[in-house]
C-alpha atoms as a PDB file:
ATOM      1  CA  MET A   1     108.910 117.838 116.241  1.00  0.00           C
ATOM      2  CA  PRO A   2     106.849 115.791 113.648  1.00  0.00           C
ATOM      3  CA  THR A   3     107.888 116.722 110.238  1.00  0.00           C
ATOM      4  CA  THR A   4     104.473 117.036 108.498  1.00  0.00           C
ATOM      5  CA  LEU A   5     101.755 119.572 109.593  1.00  0.00           C
ATOM      6  CA  GLN A   6      99.589 116.258 109.694  1.00  0.00           C
ATOM      7  CA  SER A   7     101.154 114.410 111.781  1.00  0.00           C
ATOM      8  CA  ALA A   8     101.811 117.629 114.353  1.00  0.00           C
ATOM      9  CA  LEU A   9      98.306 118.749 113.945  1.00  0.00           C
ATOM     10  CA  ALA A  10      97.520 114.704 115.037  1.00  0.00           C
ATOM     11  CA  LYS A  11      99.279 115.440 118.507  1.00  0.00           C
ATOM     12  CA  GLU A  12      97.855 118.835 118.516  1.00  0.00           C
ATOM     13  CA  PRO A  13      94.351 118.747 117.105  1.00  0.00           C
ATOM     14  CA  ASP A  14      92.752 121.675 119.217  1.00  0.00           C
ATOM     15  CA  ALA A  15      95.127 124.211 118.008  1.00  0.00           C
ATOM     16  CA  SER A  16      94.437 128.146 117.278  1.00  0.00           C
ATOM     17  CA  ILE A  17      95.235 129.226 113.834  1.00  0.00           C
ATOM     18  CA  ASP A  18      98.217 130.789 115.392  1.00  0.00           C
ATOM     19  CA  ARG A  19      99.972 127.616 116.233  1.00  0.00           C
ATOM     20  CA  VAL A  20      98.681 125.894 113.533  1.00  0.00           C
ATOM     21  CA  LEU A  21     100.615 128.598 111.426  1.00  0.00           C
ATOM     22  CA  GLN A  22     103.267 129.140 113.799  1.00  0.00           C
ATOM     23  CA  ILE A  23     104.192 124.798 112.947  1.00  0.00           C
ATOM     24  CA  ALA A  24     103.563 124.954 109.240  1.00  0.00           C
ATOM     25  CA  GLU A  25     106.351 127.523 109.211  1.00  0.00           C
ATOM     26  CA  SER A  26     108.375 125.294 110.863  1.00  0.00           C
ATOM     27  CA  LEU A  27     108.210 122.226 109.229  1.00  0.00           C
ATOM     28  CA  SER A  28     111.169 120.453 107.221  1.00  0.00           C
ATOM     29  CA  ASP A  29     109.051 118.372 104.908  1.00  0.00           C
ATOM     30  CA  LEU A  30     108.963 120.893 102.041  1.00  0.00           C
ATOM     31  CA  PRO A  31     111.946 122.033  99.815  1.00  0.00           C
ATOM     32  CA  ASN A  32     113.162 125.598 101.257  1.00  0.00           C
ATOM     33  CA  GLY A  33     111.970 127.436  98.594  1.00  0.00           C
ATOM     34  CA  SER A  34     111.727 125.544  95.283  1.00  0.00           C
ATOM     35  CA  TYR A  35     110.569 122.582  93.623  1.00  0.00           C
ATOM     36  CA  PRO A  36     111.754 121.332  90.141  1.00  0.00           C
ATOM     37  CA  CYS A  37     109.967 122.386  87.195  1.00  0.00           C
ATOM     38  CA  LEU A  38     106.903 121.165  86.212  1.00  0.00           C
ATOM     39  CA  ASN A  39     107.690 119.685  82.776  1.00  0.00           C
ATOM     40  CA  PRO A  40     108.881 115.934  82.843  1.00  0.00           C
ATOM     41  CA  LYS A  41     111.341 116.369  80.866  1.00  0.00           C
ATOM     42  CA  CYS A  42     112.990 119.864  82.676  1.00  0.00           C
ATOM     43  CA  ARG A  43     114.853 119.590  86.105  1.00  0.00           C
ATOM     44  CA  ASN A  44     115.602 123.199  86.512  1.00  0.00           C
ATOM     45  CA  PRO A  45     114.336 124.778  89.887  1.00  0.00           C
ATOM     46  CA  CYS A  46     111.035 127.091  90.183  1.00  0.00           C
ATOM     47  CA  ALA A  47     110.968 129.370  93.225  1.00  0.00           C
ATOM     48  CA  TYR A  48     108.728 129.676  95.706  1.00  0.00           C
ATOM     49  CA  PRO A  49     108.015 133.573  96.301  1.00  0.00           C
ATOM     50  CA  ALA A  50     110.137 134.805  99.265  1.00  0.00           C
ATOM     51  CA  LYS A  51     108.303 135.865 102.571  1.00  0.00           C
ATOM     52  CA  GLY A  52     106.733 139.216 102.387  1.00  0.00           C
ATOM     53  CA  THR A  53     107.048 139.484  98.605  1.00  0.00           C
ATOM     54  CA  ARG A  54     103.647 140.802  97.222  1.00  0.00           C
ATOM     55  CA  GLY A  55     102.037 140.349  93.986  1.00  0.00           C
ATOM     56  CA  HIS A  56     104.040 137.188  92.975  1.00  0.00           C
ATOM     57  CA  ARG A  57     102.664 133.963  92.168  1.00  0.00           C
ATOM     58  CA  PRO A  58     104.694 130.421  92.877  1.00  0.00           C
ATOM     59  CA  GLN A  59     106.553 129.100  89.720  1.00  0.00           C
ATOM     60  CA  ARG A  60     105.175 126.100  88.216  1.00  0.00           C
ATOM     61  CA  PHE A  61     107.782 126.070  85.453  1.00  0.00           C
ATOM     62  CA  CYS A  62     111.249 127.636  84.913  1.00  0.00           C
ATOM     63  CA  SER A  63     110.595 129.652  82.008  1.00  0.00           C
ATOM     64  CA  ARG A  64     107.565 130.408  79.378  1.00  0.00           C
ATOM     65  CA  GLU A  65     109.738 128.473  76.602  1.00  0.00           C
ATOM     66  CA  CYS A  66     109.829 125.395  79.549  1.00  0.00           C
ATOM     67  CA  ARG A  67     105.872 125.597  80.118  1.00  0.00           C
ATOM     68  CA  LEU A  68     105.193 125.807  76.012  1.00  0.00           C
ATOM     69  CA  LYS A  69     106.918 122.610  75.897  1.00  0.00           C
ATOM     70  CA  PHE A  70     105.076 121.284  78.627  1.00  0.00           C
ATOM     71  CA  GLU A  71     101.644 122.303  77.166  1.00  0.00           C
ATOM     72  CA  ARG A  72     102.375 121.397  73.200  1.00  0.00           C
ATOM     73  CA  ALA A  73     103.401 117.550  74.759  1.00  0.00           C
ATOM     74  CA  GLN A  74      99.887 117.246  76.744  1.00  0.00           C
ATOM     75  CA  SER A  75      98.224 118.310  74.326  1.00  0.00           C
ATOM     76  CA  ARG A  76      99.828 115.895  71.433  1.00  0.00           C
ATOM     77  CA  LEU A  77      99.876 112.974  73.591  1.00  0.00           C
ATOM     78  CA  ALA A  78      95.961 113.495  74.498  1.00  0.00           C
ATOM     79  CA  TRP A  79      95.467 113.989  70.932  1.00  0.00           C
ATOM     80  CA  GLU A  80      97.453 110.750  70.104  1.00  0.00           C
ATOM     81  CA  VAL A  81      95.531 108.742  72.691  1.00  0.00           C
ATOM     82  CA  ARG A  82      91.981 109.953  71.271  1.00  0.00           C
ATOM     83  CA  ARG A  83      93.060 109.293  67.794  1.00  0.00           C
ATOM     84  CA  LEU A  84      94.484 105.520  68.546  1.00  0.00           C
ATOM     85  CA  GLU A  85      91.609 104.949  70.566  1.00  0.00           C
ATOM     86  CA  GLU A  86      89.526 105.529  67.821  1.00  0.00           C
ATOM     87  CA  LEU A  87      90.611 102.572  65.979  1.00  0.00           C
ATOM     88  CA  ARG A  88      89.477 100.586  68.517  1.00  0.00           C
ATOM     89  CA  LYS A  89      86.350 100.679  66.516  1.00  0.00           C
ATOM     90  CA  LEU A  90      87.740  98.745  63.631  1.00  0.00           C
ATOM     91  CA  PRO A  91      88.012  95.252  63.153  1.00  0.00           C
ATOM     92  CA  MET A  92      91.535  94.119  63.651  1.00  0.00           C
ATOM     93  CA  PRO A  93      93.153  90.746  63.747  1.00  0.00           C
ATOM     94  CA  THR A  94      93.981  90.133  67.816  1.00  0.00           C
ATOM     95  CA  ARG A  95      97.775  91.004  67.127  1.00  0.00           C
ATOM     96  CA  GLN A  96      97.106  94.356  66.171  1.00  0.00           C
ATOM     97  CA  GLY A  97      94.711  94.746  68.955  1.00  0.00           C
ATOM     98  CA  VAL A  98      97.201  93.912  71.498  1.00  0.00           C
ATOM     99  CA  LEU A  99      99.380  96.588  69.968  1.00  0.00           C
ATOM    100  CA  LEU A 100      97.082  99.120  69.647  1.00  0.00           C
ATOM    101  CA  ASN A 101      96.420  98.868  73.440  1.00  0.00           C
ATOM    102  CA  ARG A 102      99.960  98.748  73.860  1.00  0.00           C
ATOM    103  CA  GLU A 103     100.597 102.181  72.179  1.00  0.00           C
ATOM    104  CA  ILE A 104      97.628 103.802  73.851  1.00  0.00           C
ATOM    105  CA  SER A 105      98.659 102.676  77.423  1.00  0.00           C
ATOM    106  CA  ARG A 106     102.336 103.801  76.584  1.00  0.00           C
ATOM    107  CA  ARG A 107     100.442 107.548  75.463  1.00  0.00           C
ATOM    108  CA  GLN A 108      98.708 107.234  78.665  1.00  0.00           C
ATOM    109  CA  TRP A 109     101.178 106.570  80.508  1.00  0.00           C
ATOM    110  CA  ALA A 110     103.498 109.614  79.500  1.00  0.00           C
ATOM    111  CA  LEU A 111     100.553 111.818  80.074  1.00  0.00           C
ATOM    112  CA  ASP A 112     100.345 110.949  83.791  1.00  0.00           C
ATOM    113  CA  ARG A 113     103.659 113.091  83.817  1.00  0.00           C
ATOM    114  CA  TYR A 114     101.160 116.169  82.578  1.00  0.00           C
ATOM    115  CA  PRO A 115      98.738 116.831  85.069  1.00  0.00           C
ATOM    116  CA  THR A 116      95.976 119.001  83.979  1.00  0.00           C
ATOM    117  CA  LEU A 117      96.702 122.844  85.461  1.00  0.00           C
ATOM    118  CA  GLU A 118      93.656 125.173  86.487  1.00  0.00           C
ATOM    119  CA  ALA A 119      91.258 124.558  83.566  1.00  0.00           C
ATOM    120  CA  GLU A 120      90.460 121.508  81.674  1.00  0.00           C
ATOM    121  CA  VAL A 121      92.894 121.362  78.776  1.00  0.00           C
ATOM    122  CA  GLY A 122      91.138 122.033  75.384  1.00  0.00           C
ATOM    123  CA  GLU A 123      90.812 120.364  72.206  1.00  0.00           C
ATOM    124  CA  PRO A 124      94.239 121.031  70.224  1.00  0.00           C
ATOM    125  CA  LYS A 125      94.276 123.044  67.415  1.00  0.00           C
ATOM    126  CA  SER A 126      94.400 120.559  64.488  1.00  0.00           C
ATOM    127  CA  PRO A 127      93.135 120.503  61.073  1.00  0.00           C
ATOM    128  CA  ALA A 128      89.994 118.841  60.301  1.00  0.00           C
ATOM    129  CA  ASN A 129      91.846 116.299  58.315  1.00  0.00           C
ATOM    130  CA  GLY A 130      92.466 114.651  61.163  1.00  0.00           C
ATOM    131  CA  ASN A 131      96.518 114.989  60.944  1.00  0.00           C
ATOM    132  CA  GLU A 132      98.483 115.697  64.015  1.00  0.00           C
ATOM    133  CA  PRO A 133      98.509 118.914  65.737  1.00  0.00           C
ATOM    134  CA  ARG A 134     101.992 121.416  65.006  1.00  0.00           C
END
């Protein structure tokens, strides 16, 4: 038996809706009920609601605190990337330019671990003087 819905449906391209659902429920490519928390600094499991439960959305984070830490880190990294990119407009020696590009790249690489969820992340709440957000 195939282990992914894609490979199963490749073998049965004209499967009925009932058959597709039957195949989907029987597959083993997804964890049984949980994935790690979306916060890259956390490894706690997040549960998918049990079959037959109503009104519960799948968890993305193991706790409210973990979600808030994720949002703060994502906002801070995005702010730092924007702030450092502003410095590219200034004249600087090649050595400083190389270091600046490296620091921007490091923050963008870290930011890749914080996917944008649902709506776009807005501007962080920061003072008008350009200081780092809280």
